[in-house]
Amino acid sequence: MKKTRGFTIIELMLSMAFLGTMLLGIAALVMRITNIYQKGLALRAVNSTGREIISDMTRTINGAPTDMEINPAVTNNLTGTTVTAKAVAEAHANYYLSVEDNGKQTGGVFCTGAYSYVWNTAENLRKDDDATDVFRINTKDGQTIVPRLARFVDRQRFACAHEPMAADGYTFAPASNADYKAGAYTFDLSESVSSDDVTELISRDENNLAIYDLRVLPATQNETTKQIFFSASFILATLHGGVNIESNGDFCSGEGNLDGTDFTLNDFDYCAVNKFNFSARATGEAGIKQYGE
């Protein structure tokens, strides 16, 4: 009688163990490749959005008028007086405002004289929309926008119409204005601008990007041509991933999220951060009188 040979139980167990180990290795490799791919997508989103922001601001600044006293040195050099830190700060506050909480920027405004930019940093975007220090824009079609970084027409620089805070010396905060009636951090455009005219430069998509800090340095102005030279920098990153811009090492810690409980937002591989620096020159024709003078 012919005997039929087969695998023993031990051989089957060894085969299954080898196959299981191989499948686990393949799964781990696929997950790692997926994470690397996702990390690349997040970094690409940050870099492409950052370049778009620079391009938009550069075009806006290039076409901005140059008939404002952007730098007190222009006048003071002609009169022979000394330029003081207060004079520089007051001139700077005519076109740039940064609001901070415990040393971290929560929002700000930059007025070019053609368009103004308003933003909430990640610090504010993690708060409720009705928080008192969150920047909002009210439009004439009844919409309230909490911008990540928005641009709107503001030829008279009303967005930068504010008074000095006595307690902070040269730190400035918004004040009520006839064209911005709704409150300290709300810009009321209900008489002039619709929501379609407010351009959001950071889309609310799956990448979930936000400004973490945006600084516009005191500008310089040529005494003869009146052309204005602006220099600025900003940090753009994902809202998730535990981004810490004060870190000396890896800015993506993989810790922390919107409320400290949803750990699905903590994945290091979905985190990306980059700092951008740019400069632009305002070459608009002087004497257009775009500031109601």
Protein backbone atom coordinates (compact mmCIF):
# COMPACT_ATOMS: atom_id res chain seq x y z
CA MET A 1 0.00 0.00 0.00
CA LYS A 2 1.40 3.43 -1.04
CA LYS A 3 1.91 5.92 1.80
CA THR A 4 1.10 9.65 1.39
CA ARG A 5 3.56 12.00 3.09
CA GLY A 6 2.50 15.46 4.43
CA PHE A 7 3.65 18.25 6.71
CA THR A 8 3.94 17.62 10.38
CA ILE A 9 2.28 19.91 12.92
CA ILE A 10 5.66 21.35 13.86
CA GLU A 11 6.45 22.16 10.24
CA LEU A 12 3.06 23.87 9.82
CA MET A 13 3.57 25.90 12.99
CA LEU A 14 7.02 27.01 11.86
CA SER A 15 5.67 27.95 8.45
CA MET A 16 2.79 29.93 9.95
CA ALA A 17 5.15 31.69 12.36
CA PHE A 18 7.46 32.66 9.50
CA LEU A 19 4.53 33.84 7.37
CA GLY A 20 3.08 35.85 10.27
CA THR A 21 6.44 37.49 10.97
CA MET A 22 6.83 38.37 7.30
CA LEU A 23 3.34 39.90 7.14
CA LEU A 24 4.01 41.95 10.29
CA GLY A 25 7.22 43.22 8.75
CA ILE A 26 5.45 44.16 5.52
CA ALA A 27 2.69 45.94 7.47
CA ALA A 28 5.25 47.88 9.52
CA LEU A 29 7.11 48.84 6.34
CA VAL A 30 3.89 50.01 4.64
CA MET A 31 2.95 52.06 7.71
CA ARG A 32 6.39 53.64 7.82
CA ILE A 33 6.28 54.51 4.11
CA THR A 34 2.78 55.96 4.58
CA ASN A 35 3.97 58.09 7.51
CA ILE A 36 6.95 59.37 5.53
CA TYR A 37 4.63 60.18 2.64
CA GLN A 38 2.22 62.00 4.95
CA LYS A 39 5.10 63.94 6.53
CA GLY A 40 6.18 64.99 3.04
CA LEU A 41 2.64 66.13 2.20
CA ALA A 42 2.45 68.22 5.39
CA LEU A 43 5.82 69.85 4.71
CA ARG A 44 4.90 70.51 1.09
CA ALA A 45 1.64 72.14 2.19
CA VAL A 46 3.51 74.42 4.61
CA ASN A 47 6.11 75.41 2.02
CA SER A 48 3.64 76.01 -0.82
CA THR A 49 1.27 78.01 1.40
CA GLY A 50 4.20 80.03 2.75
CA ARG A 51 5.32 80.91 -0.77
CA GLU A 52 1.77 81.93 -1.71
CA ILE A 53 1.58 84.22 1.35
CA ILE A 54 4.89 85.86 0.43
CA SER A 55 3.78 86.31 -3.18
CA ASP A 56 0.48 87.87 -2.13
CA MET A 57 2.03 90.27 0.38
CA THR A 58 4.81 91.23 -2.02
CA ARG A 59 2.34 92.14 -4.78
CA THR A 60 0.23 94.12 -2.31
CA ILE A 61 3.22 96.02 -0.94
CA ASN A 62 4.62 96.71 -4.41
CA GLY A 63 1.42 98.52 -5.36
CA ALA A 64 0.96 100.34 -2.06
CA PRO A 65 1.21 104.17 -1.96
CA THR A 66 4.29 105.81 -0.48
CA ASP A 67 2.90 109.11 0.82
CA MET A 68 2.86 108.14 4.52
CA GLU A 69 5.58 108.94 7.01
CA ILE A 70 6.67 105.38 7.57
CA ASN A 71 10.01 106.23 9.14
CA PRO A 72 10.46 109.19 11.52
CA ALA A 73 14.10 109.42 10.47
CA VAL A 74 13.01 110.89 7.14
CA THR A 75 11.58 114.00 8.78
CA ASN A 76 13.92 114.16 11.75
CA ASN A 77 17.06 113.99 9.65
CA LEU A 78 15.87 116.98 7.67
CA THR A 79 15.17 118.97 10.82
CA GLY A 80 18.31 117.81 12.61
CA THR A 81 16.44 116.35 15.57
CA THR A 82 17.20 113.04 17.26
CA VAL A 83 15.12 109.98 16.40
CA THR A 84 13.78 108.47 19.60
CA ALA A 85 12.64 104.91 20.27
CA LYS A 86 9.16 106.25 20.99
CA ALA A 87 9.00 108.00 17.62
CA VAL A 88 10.00 104.80 15.84
CA ALA A 89 7.43 102.79 17.82
CA GLU A 90 4.66 105.27 17.08
CA ALA A 91 5.47 105.27 13.37
CA HIS A 92 5.62 101.46 13.38
CA ALA A 93 2.19 101.29 15.03
CA ASN A 94 0.67 103.17 12.09
CA TYR A 95 0.94 100.06 9.94
CA TYR A 96 1.62 97.05 12.23
CA LEU A 97 0.02 95.67 15.38
CA SER A 98 0.97 92.54 17.33
CA VAL A 99 -1.16 91.33 20.25
CA GLU A 100 0.56 88.96 22.66
CA ASP A 101 -0.33 86.82 25.65
CA ASN A 102 2.46 85.60 27.94
CA GLY A 103 5.04 86.35 25.28
CA LYS A 104 3.19 84.47 22.52
CA GLN A 105 1.57 86.31 19.64
CA THR A 106 -2.19 85.69 19.49
CA GLY A 107 -2.99 87.85 16.48
CA GLY A 108 -2.06 90.92 14.55
CA VAL A 109 -2.73 93.47 11.81
CA PHE A 110 -0.57 94.76 8.96
CA CYS A 111 -1.79 97.76 6.95
CA THR A 112 -0.04 98.45 3.63
CA GLY A 113 -2.17 101.43 2.62
CA ALA A 114 -3.88 99.43 -0.13
CA TYR A 115 -4.90 96.24 1.65
CA SER A 116 -4.79 95.24 5.30
CA TYR A 117 -4.00 91.79 6.66
CA VAL A 118 -5.56 90.40 9.85
CA TRP A 119 -4.60 87.08 11.42
CA ASN A 120 -5.16 84.86 14.42
CA THR A 121 -2.23 82.69 15.42
CA ALA A 122 -2.53 79.09 16.58
CA GLU A 123 -2.90 80.40 20.15
CA ASN A 124 -6.19 82.09 19.23
CA LEU A 125 -7.45 79.40 16.87
CA ARG A 126 -7.38 76.92 19.75
CA LYS A 127 -9.84 79.12 21.66
CA ASP A 128 -13.58 79.45 21.20
CA ASP A 129 -14.54 81.79 18.37
CA ASP A 130 -16.36 84.05 20.83
CA ALA A 131 -13.29 84.60 23.04
CA THR A 132 -12.79 88.31 23.69
CA ASP A 133 -9.26 88.46 22.24
CA VAL A 134 -9.98 86.57 19.00
CA PHE A 135 -9.80 88.75 15.87
CA ARG A 136 -13.02 88.76 13.84
CA ILE A 137 -14.24 90.45 10.65
CA ASN A 138 -17.91 91.39 10.19
CA THR A 139 -19.01 91.81 6.57
CA LYS A 140 -21.98 93.57 5.00
CA ASP A 141 -23.64 90.27 4.06
CA GLY A 142 -23.90 89.36 7.75
CA GLN A 143 -20.96 86.98 7.92
CA THR A 144 -18.49 86.87 10.81
CA ILE A 145 -15.07 85.59 9.82
CA VAL A 146 -12.40 84.37 12.23
CA PRO A 147 -9.41 84.65 9.89
CA ARG A 148 -6.28 82.56 9.88
CA LEU A 149 -4.71 85.18 7.62
CA ALA A 150 -7.13 87.36 5.65
CA ARG A 151 -6.73 90.31 3.31
CA PHE A 152 -9.26 93.05 2.55
CA VAL A 153 -9.26 96.50 0.95
CA ASP A 154 -8.34 99.18 3.50
CA ARG A 155 -6.89 102.22 1.76
CA GLN A 156 -7.31 104.42 4.83
CA ARG A 157 -5.61 101.96 7.22
CA PHE A 158 -8.59 101.83 9.56
CA ALA A 159 -7.47 98.38 10.72
CA CYS A 160 -4.43 100.02 12.28
CA ALA A 161 -6.33 102.89 13.92
CA HIS A 162 -5.54 102.31 17.58
CA GLU A 163 -4.30 104.05 20.69
CA PRO A 164 -1.30 103.25 22.91
CA MET A 165 -1.87 101.12 25.98
CA ALA A 166 -0.59 103.20 28.88
CA ALA A 167 0.49 100.17 30.88
CA ASP A 168 2.69 98.81 28.12
CA GLY A 169 4.53 101.91 27.01
CA TYR A 170 5.07 101.44 23.29
CA THR A 171 2.70 98.47 22.91
CA PHE A 172 -0.46 99.36 21.03
CA ALA A 173 -3.96 97.91 21.06
CA PRO A 174 -6.99 98.52 18.82
CA ALA A 175 -9.43 101.28 19.67
CA SER A 176 -12.99 101.81 18.52
CA ASN A 177 -13.27 103.57 15.18
CA ALA A 178 -16.20 104.92 13.19
CA ASP A 179 -15.54 102.31 10.52
CA TYR A 180 -14.84 99.51 12.99
CA LYS A 181 -17.68 99.86 15.46
CA ALA A 182 -18.05 96.37 16.86
CA GLY A 183 -15.29 96.27 19.46
CA ALA A 184 -11.62 96.03 20.31
CA TYR A 185 -10.79 92.97 18.18
CA THR A 186 -13.65 93.01 15.69
CA PHE A 187 -13.34 94.84 12.39
CA ASP A 188 -16.79 95.96 11.25
CA LEU A 189 -16.83 96.07 7.45
CA SER A 190 -20.61 95.81 7.28
CA GLU A 191 -20.94 99.07 5.35
CA SER A 192 -18.36 98.40 2.67
CA VAL A 193 -17.00 94.85 2.28
CA SER A 194 -18.77 91.55 1.62
CA SER A 195 -17.43 88.16 2.66
CA ASP A 196 -16.45 87.48 -0.98
CA ASP A 197 -14.11 90.48 -0.79
CA VAL A 198 -12.24 89.08 2.21
CA THR A 199 -9.52 86.77 0.91
CA GLU A 200 -8.36 84.00 3.25
CA LEU A 201 -4.75 83.11 2.44
CA ILE A 202 -4.67 79.92 4.54
CA SER A 203 -7.31 77.42 3.47
CA ARG A 204 -9.16 75.33 6.04
CA ASP A 205 -8.31 71.92 4.63
CA GLU A 206 -7.00 68.62 5.98
CA ASN A 207 -3.52 70.10 6.44
CA ASN A 208 -4.93 72.44 9.13
CA LEU A 209 -2.23 75.13 8.87
CA ALA A 210 -1.91 78.26 10.98
CA ILE A 211 0.36 81.22 11.59
CA TYR A 212 2.33 80.90 14.83
CA ASP A 213 4.09 84.26 14.65
CA LEU A 214 4.18 87.07 12.08
CA ARG A 215 6.52 90.04 12.53
CA VAL A 216 6.81 93.15 10.37
CA LEU A 217 9.94 95.10 11.26
CA PRO A 218 10.04 98.91 11.30
CA ALA A 219 10.22 99.99 7.66
CA THR A 220 12.71 102.34 6.06
CA GLN A 221 11.93 105.05 3.55
CA ASN A 222 14.12 106.76 1.01
CA GLU A 223 14.19 110.50 1.70
CA THR A 224 14.24 111.38 -2.01
CA THR A 225 12.01 108.83 -3.75
CA LYS A 226 9.81 108.12 -0.68
CA GLN A 227 9.86 104.43 -1.61
CA ILE A 228 9.28 102.23 1.43
CA PHE A 229 11.20 99.04 2.18
CA PHE A 230 9.43 96.44 4.33
CA SER A 231 11.00 93.38 5.93
CA ALA A 232 8.97 90.64 7.61
CA SER A 233 9.08 87.05 8.84
CA PHE A 234 6.47 84.49 9.84
CA ILE A 235 6.27 80.95 11.17
CA LEU A 236 3.75 78.67 9.49
CA ALA A 237 2.95 75.19 10.81
CA THR A 238 0.26 72.60 11.31
CA LEU A 239 -2.14 73.10 14.20
CA HIS A 240 -1.64 69.50 15.31
CA GLY A 241 1.58 67.69 16.13
CA GLY A 242 2.50 69.56 19.28
CA VAL A 243 4.33 72.40 17.51
CA ASN A 244 6.54 74.37 19.87
CA ILE A 245 8.23 77.31 18.16
CA GLU A 246 10.25 78.04 21.32
CA SER A 247 11.97 74.65 21.20
CA ASN A 248 15.71 74.48 20.62
CA GLY A 249 15.42 71.05 19.06
CA ASP A 250 12.61 69.38 17.16
CA PHE A 251 9.65 71.77 16.82
CA CYS A 252 7.24 68.83 16.39
CA SER A 253 6.98 67.14 19.75
CA GLY A 254 4.07 64.87 18.89
CA GLU A 255 2.38 66.06 22.07
CA GLY A 256 -0.57 68.34 22.75
CA ASN A 257 -3.57 69.10 20.60
CA LEU A 258 -6.60 71.35 20.50
CA ASP A 259 -7.94 70.32 23.90
CA GLY A 260 -5.30 67.95 25.26
CA THR A 261 -7.44 64.84 24.97
CA ASP A 262 -7.70 63.79 21.32
CA PHE A 263 -4.48 61.90 20.75
CA THR A 264 -5.35 61.18 17.13
CA LEU A 265 -4.18 64.73 16.42
CA ASN A 266 -0.80 64.18 18.05
CA ASP A 267 0.81 62.11 15.31
CA PHE A 268 4.32 63.41 14.70
CA ASP A 269 4.09 62.43 11.04
CA TYR A 270 1.28 64.92 10.44
CA CYS A 271 3.33 67.82 11.83
CA ALA A 272 5.37 70.32 9.79
CA VAL A 273 6.76 73.78 10.53
CA ASN A 274 8.86 76.33 8.65
CA LYS A 275 9.98 79.93 9.07
CA PHE A 276 9.83 82.35 6.16
CA ASN A 277 11.59 85.69 5.68
CA PHE A 278 10.86 88.18 2.92
CA SER A 279 11.25 91.81 1.98
CA ALA A 280 9.32 94.03 -0.42
CA ARG A 281 9.37 97.61 -1.61
CA ALA A 282 6.38 99.92 -1.94
CA THR A 283 6.80 101.86 -5.17
CA GLY A 284 3.29 103.30 -5.60
CA GLU A 285 2.97 106.85 -6.83
CA ALA A 286 3.32 109.38 -3.99
CA GLY A 287 0.68 112.00 -3.46
CA ILE A 288 -2.36 109.87 -4.27
CA LYS A 289 -3.82 110.81 -0.91
CA GLN A 290 -5.17 107.39 -0.08
CA TYR A 291 -5.30 108.06 3.64
CA GLY A 292 -8.00 110.73 3.67
CA GLU A 293 -5.49 113.56 3.94
